[in-house]
Amino acid sequence: QVQIEDTGGGLVQAGDSLRLSCVASGGTFSGYGLGWFRQAPGKEREFVAYISSTGTMKTYEDPVKGRFTISRDNARNTASLQMNSLKPEDTAVYYCAVRWRPGRDRTRISEYGYWGQGTQVTVSS
């Protein structure tokens, strides 16, 4: 069974950058789209970014457009989320997930499975 591990979080200041990584083990996610989600304290988990199985299509939540970049390396079974110009409102636990049940809306949590354990990102002002 595929297991996903999210890493790369940390405590940074506003304006700094972080690069999150998502690694699959026990299988491959090369044939699936991947998503990054985040969950801030007291809030529901929300969509952040998506990348198609081949990497040719990418989608971003409006607040992160122009600041975050999603990428993947299928040969290494990895994906990344480069986060630049971080803001305090980006503070959340970030999760990588496999879009194993593609439907009509790639931003919907229900279309994803094989979630990572999450990695904490804290941005101080």
C-alpha atoms as a PDB file:
ATOM      1  CA  GLN A   1       0.000   0.000   0.000  1.00  0.00           C
ATOM      2  CA  VAL A   2       1.255   3.440  -0.865  1.00  0.00           C
ATOM      3  CA  GLN A   3       2.355   5.587   2.045  1.00  0.00           C
ATOM      4  CA  ILE A   4       2.895   9.302   1.759  1.00  0.00           C
ATOM      5  CA  GLU A   5       5.315  11.322   3.863  1.00  0.00           C
ATOM      6  CA  ASP A   6       5.178  15.105   3.999  1.00  0.00           C
ATOM      7  CA  THR A   7       8.256  16.995   5.129  1.00  0.00           C
ATOM      8  CA  GLY A   8       9.835  20.419   4.985  1.00  0.00           C
ATOM      9  CA  GLY A   9       7.711  22.504   7.294  1.00  0.00           C
ATOM     10  CA  GLY A  10       9.102  24.875   9.861  1.00  0.00           C
ATOM     11  CA  LEU A  11       8.958  28.243  11.574  1.00  0.00           C
ATOM     12  CA  VAL A  12       9.811  31.169   9.328  1.00  0.00           C
ATOM     13  CA  GLN A  13       9.262  34.902   9.154  1.00  0.00           C
ATOM     14  CA  ALA A  14       6.916  36.682   6.803  1.00  0.00           C
ATOM     15  CA  GLY A  15       8.511  37.012   3.386  1.00  0.00           C
ATOM     16  CA  ASP A  16      10.622  33.888   3.746  1.00  0.00           C
ATOM     17  CA  SER A  17      10.429  30.734   1.659  1.00  0.00           C
ATOM     18  CA  LEU A  18       9.940  27.056   2.384  1.00  0.00           C
ATOM     19  CA  ARG A  19       9.929  23.981   0.190  1.00  0.00           C
ATOM     20  CA  LEU A  20       7.653  21.127   1.184  1.00  0.00           C
ATOM     21  CA  SER A  21       8.263  17.630  -0.076  1.00  0.00           C
ATOM     22  CA  CYS A  22       5.987  14.651  -0.553  1.00  0.00           C
ATOM     23  CA  VAL A  23       7.513  11.203  -0.922  1.00  0.00           C
ATOM     24  CA  ALA A  24       5.694   7.974  -1.741  1.00  0.00           C
ATOM     25  CA  SER A  25       6.814   4.576  -0.545  1.00  0.00           C
ATOM     26  CA  GLY A  26       5.391   1.108  -0.963  1.00  0.00           C
ATOM     27  CA  GLY A  27       4.141   1.985  -4.416  1.00  0.00           C
ATOM     28  CA  THR A  28       4.003   4.736  -6.982  1.00  0.00           C
ATOM     29  CA  PHE A  29       1.759   7.726  -7.542  1.00  0.00           C
ATOM     30  CA  SER A  30       3.086   8.403 -11.024  1.00  0.00           C
ATOM     31  CA  GLY A  31      -0.275   7.713 -12.688  1.00  0.00           C
ATOM     32  CA  TYR A  32      -2.250   9.990 -10.407  1.00  0.00           C
ATOM     33  CA  GLY A  33      -2.747  13.651  -9.879  1.00  0.00           C
ATOM     34  CA  LEU A  34      -1.472  15.046  -6.586  1.00  0.00           C
ATOM     35  CA  GLY A  35      -2.796  17.754  -4.359  1.00  0.00           C
ATOM     36  CA  TRP A  36      -1.552  19.873  -1.503  1.00  0.00           C
ATOM     37  CA  PHE A  37      -4.030  20.921   1.146  1.00  0.00           C
ATOM     38  CA  ARG A  38      -3.693  22.855   4.378  1.00  0.00           C
ATOM     39  CA  GLN A  39      -5.544  23.129   7.631  1.00  0.00           C
ATOM     40  CA  ALA A  40      -5.218  26.085   9.947  1.00  0.00           C
ATOM     41  CA  PRO A  41      -6.226  25.869  13.628  1.00  0.00           C
ATOM     42  CA  GLY A  42      -9.986  25.916  14.001  1.00  0.00           C
ATOM     43  CA  LYS A  43     -10.566  25.795  10.257  1.00  0.00           C
ATOM     44  CA  GLU A  44     -11.463  23.133   7.743  1.00  0.00           C
ATOM     45  CA  ARG A  45      -8.885  21.574   5.491  1.00  0.00           C
ATOM     46  CA  GLU A  46      -8.649  23.506   2.241  1.00  0.00           C
ATOM     47  CA  PHE A  47      -7.215  23.019  -1.208  1.00  0.00           C
ATOM     48  CA  VAL A  48      -3.909  24.705  -2.014  1.00  0.00           C
ATOM     49  CA  ALA A  49      -2.527  23.309  -5.261  1.00  0.00           C
ATOM     50  CA  TYR A  50      -2.873  20.463  -7.718  1.00  0.00           C
ATOM     51  CA  ILE A  51      -0.636  18.886 -10.329  1.00  0.00           C
ATOM     52  CA  SER A  52      -1.715  16.372 -12.952  1.00  0.00           C
ATOM     53  CA  SER A  53      -0.084  12.971 -13.303  1.00  0.00           C
ATOM     54  CA  THR A  54       2.223  14.185 -16.073  1.00  0.00           C
ATOM     55  CA  GLY A  55       2.846  17.563 -14.494  1.00  0.00           C
ATOM     56  CA  THR A  56       1.418  19.428 -17.452  1.00  0.00           C
ATOM     57  CA  MET A  57      -1.563  20.890 -15.628  1.00  0.00           C
ATOM     58  CA  LYS A  58      -1.384  22.847 -12.388  1.00  0.00           C
ATOM     59  CA  THR A  59      -4.077  24.556 -10.372  1.00  0.00           C
ATOM     60  CA  TYR A  60      -3.692  26.917  -7.411  1.00  0.00           C
ATOM     61  CA  GLU A  61      -5.948  28.369  -4.766  1.00  0.00           C
ATOM     62  CA  ASP A  62      -6.285  32.109  -5.403  1.00  0.00           C
ATOM     63  CA  PRO A  63      -4.437  33.311  -2.242  1.00  0.00           C
ATOM     64  CA  VAL A  64      -1.271  31.413  -3.208  1.00  0.00           C
ATOM     65  CA  LYS A  65      -1.169  32.123  -6.927  1.00  0.00           C
ATOM     66  CA  GLY A  66       2.119  33.682  -7.924  1.00  0.00           C
ATOM     67  CA  ARG A  67       3.752  32.702  -4.629  1.00  0.00           C
ATOM     68  CA  PHE A  68       3.520  28.890  -4.538  1.00  0.00           C
ATOM     69  CA  THR A  69       4.725  26.446  -7.182  1.00  0.00           C
ATOM     70  CA  ILE A  70       3.822  22.772  -7.281  1.00  0.00           C
ATOM     71  CA  SER A  71       6.046  20.261  -9.048  1.00  0.00           C
ATOM     72  CA  ARG A  72       6.667  16.542  -9.215  1.00  0.00           C
ATOM     73  CA  ASP A  73       9.323  14.024 -10.202  1.00  0.00           C
ATOM     74  CA  ASN A  74       7.667  10.750 -11.142  1.00  0.00           C
ATOM     75  CA  ALA A  75      10.979   8.950 -11.518  1.00  0.00           C
ATOM     76  CA  ARG A  76      11.669   9.615  -7.847  1.00  0.00           C
ATOM     77  CA  ASN A  77       8.079   9.330  -6.631  1.00  0.00           C
ATOM     78  CA  THR A  78       8.266  12.799  -5.152  1.00  0.00           C
ATOM     79  CA  ALA A  79       6.364  16.050  -5.305  1.00  0.00           C
ATOM     80  CA  SER A  80       7.145  19.479  -3.951  1.00  0.00           C
ATOM     81  CA  LEU A  81       5.471  22.707  -3.023  1.00  0.00           C
ATOM     82  CA  GLN A  82       7.768  25.719  -3.240  1.00  0.00           C
ATOM     83  CA  MET A  83       6.349  28.499  -1.093  1.00  0.00           C
ATOM     84  CA  ASN A  84       7.712  32.012  -1.499  1.00  0.00           C
ATOM     85  CA  SER A  85       6.765  35.326   0.070  1.00  0.00           C
ATOM     86  CA  LEU A  86       5.106  33.530   2.953  1.00  0.00           C
ATOM     87  CA  LYS A  87       2.485  35.357   4.981  1.00  0.00           C
ATOM     88  CA  PRO A  88       1.192  34.746   8.518  1.00  0.00           C
ATOM     89  CA  GLU A  89      -2.111  33.594   7.006  1.00  0.00           C
ATOM     90  CA  ASP A  90      -0.235  30.712   5.357  1.00  0.00           C
ATOM     91  CA  THR A  91       0.282  29.188   8.806  1.00  0.00           C
ATOM     92  CA  ALA A  92      -1.244  25.711   8.781  1.00  0.00           C
ATOM     93  CA  VAL A  93      -0.512  22.013   8.646  1.00  0.00           C
ATOM     94  CA  TYR A  94       0.135  21.111   5.030  1.00  0.00           C
ATOM     95  CA  TYR A  95      -0.827  17.746   3.556  1.00  0.00           C
ATOM     96  CA  CYS A  96       0.015  15.981   0.341  1.00  0.00           C
ATOM     97  CA  ALA A  97      -2.535  13.542  -1.088  1.00  0.00           C
ATOM     98  CA  VAL A  98      -3.118  11.365  -4.109  1.00  0.00           C
ATOM     99  CA  ARG A  99      -6.107  12.115  -6.318  1.00  0.00           C
ATOM    100  CA  TRP A 100      -7.166   8.508  -6.483  1.00  0.00           C
ATOM    101  CA  ARG A 101     -10.840   9.123  -7.229  1.00  0.00           C
ATOM    102  CA  PRO A 102     -10.866  11.851  -9.890  1.00  0.00           C
ATOM    103  CA  GLY A 103     -14.201  13.493 -10.432  1.00  0.00           C
ATOM    104  CA  ARG A 104     -15.388  16.903 -11.527  1.00  0.00           C
ATOM    105  CA  ASP A 105     -13.612  19.024  -8.993  1.00  0.00           C
ATOM    106  CA  ARG A 106      -9.919  18.542  -8.286  1.00  0.00           C
ATOM    107  CA  THR A 107     -10.171  20.840  -5.279  1.00  0.00           C
ATOM    108  CA  ARG A 108     -12.536  18.515  -3.417  1.00  0.00           C
ATOM    109  CA  ILE A 109     -11.070  16.529  -0.537  1.00  0.00           C
ATOM    110  CA  SER A 110     -13.323  13.561  -1.345  1.00  0.00           C
ATOM    111  CA  GLU A 111     -11.367  12.930  -4.547  1.00  0.00           C
ATOM    112  CA  TYR A 112      -8.163  12.320  -2.601  1.00  0.00           C
ATOM    113  CA  GLY A 113      -6.726   9.495  -0.563  1.00  0.00           C
ATOM    114  CA  TYR A 114      -3.388   8.275   0.751  1.00  0.00           C
ATOM    115  CA  TRP A 115      -2.853  11.387   2.801  1.00  0.00           C
ATOM    116  CA  GLY A 116       0.486  12.241   4.304  1.00  0.00           C
ATOM    117  CA  GLN A 117       0.745  12.886   8.035  1.00  0.00           C
ATOM    118  CA  GLY A 118       1.102  16.596   7.480  1.00  0.00           C
ATOM    119  CA  THR A 119       3.890  19.073   8.089  1.00  0.00           C
ATOM    120  CA  GLN A 120       3.517  22.233  10.156  1.00  0.00           C
ATOM    121  CA  VAL A 121       4.247  25.585   8.577  1.00  0.00           C
ATOM    122  CA  THR A 122       4.306  28.576  10.902  1.00  0.00           C
ATOM    123  CA  VAL A 123       4.875  32.076   9.563  1.00  0.00           C
ATOM    124  CA  SER A 124       5.538  34.822  12.081  1.00  0.00           C
ATOM    125  CA  SER A 125       4.875  38.466  11.357  1.00  0.00           C
END
